[in-house]
């Protein structure tokens, strides 16, 4: 775990990405904060922790090892199809990777929360009902 003040730029950028998925609530940073933000949709609630990384191209196993404490904290949230736990890592250049924390380990997802499959990997199952509410999640634009 790093020492010093929390990274705010990465969380601010993550909020912009998260708003594409649903209603976002930023968690006030504190020693007992288990997540940086919460995404709420009609189908699920996602607790998200963000961290900057020096090696954005790391394998899933390297990421699991490097962030095992954060992953353990996110696993404190109950397991449910409606409760998601995610780790978002980003580089100093603003490149993001997104991971869903399952009981078996990490599964990479895209910015919309849909499974990402790489050559030779089996994609993780999508969240039930997620595709059905994807269109509803875009907040309406109010014009005056």
Protein backbone atom coordinates (compact mmCIF):
# COMPACT_ATOMS: atom_id res chain seq x y z
CA UNK A 1 0.00 0.00 0.00
CA UNK A 2 1.32 3.43 -0.90
CA UNK A 3 1.74 6.22 1.60
CA UNK A 4 0.68 9.82 1.16
CA UNK A 5 -2.44 11.53 -0.08
CA UNK A 6 -4.85 9.63 -2.33
CA UNK A 7 -4.70 10.12 -6.09
CA UNK A 8 -7.54 12.43 -7.06
CA UNK A 9 -6.98 12.75 -10.81
CA UNK A 10 -7.42 9.00 -11.36
CA UNK A 11 -10.62 8.90 -9.31
CA UNK A 12 -11.98 11.98 -11.10
CA UNK A 13 -11.34 10.32 -14.47
CA UNK A 14 -12.86 7.08 -13.18
CA UNK A 15 -16.05 8.93 -12.24
CA UNK A 16 -16.43 10.14 -15.83
CA UNK A 17 -16.10 6.52 -17.04
CA UNK A 18 -18.43 5.21 -14.32
CA UNK A 19 -21.20 7.67 -15.24
CA UNK A 20 -21.57 5.80 -18.54
CA UNK A 21 -22.73 2.79 -16.50
CA UNK A 22 -25.13 4.43 -14.08
CA UNK A 23 -25.53 6.74 -11.10
CA UNK A 24 -22.20 7.34 -9.36
CA UNK A 25 -21.46 8.17 -5.74
CA UNK A 26 -17.92 9.13 -4.77
CA UNK A 27 -16.81 7.86 -1.38
CA UNK A 28 -15.03 10.34 0.87
CA UNK A 29 -11.47 9.13 1.40
CA UNK A 30 -10.70 7.82 4.88
CA UNK A 31 -8.66 5.11 6.56
CA UNK A 32 -11.69 2.81 6.67
CA UNK A 33 -12.95 3.49 3.12
CA UNK A 34 -13.48 0.18 1.34
CA UNK A 35 -14.13 1.70 -2.08
CA UNK A 36 -13.51 4.92 -4.00
CA UNK A 37 -16.89 5.02 -5.71
CA UNK A 38 -20.17 3.19 -6.05
CA UNK A 39 -22.04 2.69 -9.33
CA UNK A 40 -25.79 2.08 -9.04
CA UNK A 41 -27.96 0.77 -11.86
CA UNK A 42 -31.33 -0.96 -12.03
CA UNK A 43 -29.57 -4.34 -12.16
CA UNK A 44 -26.66 -4.03 -9.73
CA UNK A 45 -24.51 -1.97 -7.40
CA UNK A 46 -20.75 -1.96 -8.07
CA UNK A 47 -18.15 -1.05 -5.46
CA UNK A 48 -15.03 0.22 -7.23
CA UNK A 49 -11.49 0.76 -5.98
CA UNK A 50 -9.05 2.62 -8.26
CA UNK A 51 -5.26 2.52 -8.22
CA UNK A 52 -2.47 3.88 -10.37
CA UNK A 53 -0.02 1.33 -11.72
CA UNK A 54 3.37 1.56 -13.37
CA UNK A 55 2.72 -1.56 -15.46
CA UNK A 56 -0.68 -1.31 -17.14
CA UNK A 57 0.10 -4.32 -19.35
CA UNK A 58 0.61 -6.69 -16.41
CA UNK A 59 -1.01 -10.12 -16.47
CA UNK A 60 -4.03 -10.85 -14.31
CA UNK A 61 -1.84 -12.95 -12.01
CA UNK A 62 0.61 -10.03 -11.56
CA UNK A 63 -2.26 -7.66 -10.79
CA UNK A 64 -3.77 -10.11 -8.29
CA UNK A 65 -0.40 -10.33 -6.52
CA UNK A 66 0.32 -6.58 -6.59
CA UNK A 67 -3.12 -5.59 -5.29
CA UNK A 68 -3.94 -8.52 -3.03
CA UNK A 69 -4.68 -6.24 -0.04
CA UNK A 70 -7.14 -4.10 -2.03
CA UNK A 71 -8.79 -7.20 -3.45
CA UNK A 72 -9.15 -8.61 0.07
CA UNK A 73 -10.81 -5.37 1.20
CA UNK A 74 -13.28 -5.45 -1.69
CA UNK A 75 -14.08 -9.07 -0.88
CA UNK A 76 -15.55 -7.83 2.41
CA UNK A 77 -18.65 -6.87 0.42
CA UNK A 78 -21.17 -9.74 0.24
CA UNK A 79 -21.25 -12.02 -2.79
CA UNK A 80 -24.34 -11.57 -4.93
CA UNK A 81 -25.35 -11.20 -8.56
CA UNK A 82 -26.55 -7.70 -7.68
CA UNK A 83 -23.39 -6.65 -5.80
CA UNK A 84 -20.25 -6.31 -7.90
CA UNK A 85 -16.72 -5.65 -6.70
CA UNK A 86 -14.30 -4.09 -9.16
CA UNK A 87 -10.68 -2.97 -9.26
CA UNK A 88 -9.82 -0.31 -11.83
CA UNK A 89 -6.15 0.34 -12.51
CA UNK A 90 -4.81 3.19 -14.60
CA UNK A 91 -1.47 4.40 -15.93
CA UNK A 92 0.04 7.87 -15.63
CA UNK A 93 -1.11 8.41 -19.23
CA UNK A 94 -4.77 7.77 -18.36
CA UNK A 95 -5.08 4.23 -19.76
CA UNK A 96 -7.53 2.16 -17.72
CA UNK A 97 -8.07 -1.56 -17.19
CA UNK A 98 -11.07 -2.91 -15.31
CA UNK A 99 -11.33 -6.12 -13.28
CA UNK A 100 -14.29 -7.79 -11.60
CA UNK A 101 -13.45 -9.55 -8.35
CA UNK A 102 -15.02 -12.99 -8.17
CA UNK A 103 -14.52 -15.69 -5.57
CA UNK A 104 -12.23 -17.55 -7.98
CA UNK A 105 -10.10 -14.49 -8.78
CA UNK A 106 -10.10 -11.55 -11.17
CA UNK A 107 -11.94 -11.37 -14.48
CA UNK A 108 -11.15 -8.53 -16.87
CA UNK A 109 -14.13 -6.48 -18.05
CA UNK A 110 -14.47 -3.47 -20.33
CA UNK A 111 -15.50 0.00 -19.20
CA UNK A 112 -19.16 -1.01 -19.50
CA UNK A 113 -18.66 -4.03 -17.25
CA UNK A 114 -18.89 -6.59 -20.03
CA UNK A 115 -16.41 -9.50 -20.09
CA UNK A 116 -13.21 -9.11 -22.10
CA UNK A 117 -11.77 -12.21 -23.68
CA UNK A 118 -8.16 -12.45 -24.73
CA UNK A 119 -6.75 -15.11 -27.07
CA UNK A 120 -6.62 -18.39 -25.16
CA UNK A 121 -8.80 -17.15 -22.29
CA UNK A 122 -12.39 -17.99 -21.48
CA UNK A 123 -14.55 -14.92 -20.92
CA UNK A 124 -16.29 -14.54 -17.56
CA UNK A 125 -20.08 -14.62 -17.65
CA UNK A 126 -21.83 -11.27 -17.92
CA UNK A 127 -23.94 -9.92 -15.10
CA UNK A 128 -27.58 -11.04 -15.45
CA UNK A 129 -29.79 -8.24 -16.71
CA UNK A 130 -26.88 -5.94 -17.47
CA UNK A 131 -27.49 -5.81 -21.22
CA UNK A 132 -31.17 -5.13 -20.68
CA UNK A 133 -30.55 -1.96 -18.69
CA UNK A 134 -27.54 -0.70 -20.67
CA UNK A 135 -29.67 1.69 -22.71
CA UNK A 136 -31.52 2.93 -19.62
CA UNK A 137 -28.28 3.83 -17.86
CA UNK A 138 -27.44 6.80 -20.08
CA UNK A 139 -28.57 9.82 -18.08
CA UNK A 140 -31.01 12.08 -19.93
CA UNK A 141 -29.75 15.42 -21.14
CA UNK A 142 -31.78 18.28 -19.75
CA UNK A 143 -32.09 21.35 -21.96
CA UNK A 144 -33.61 24.66 -21.03
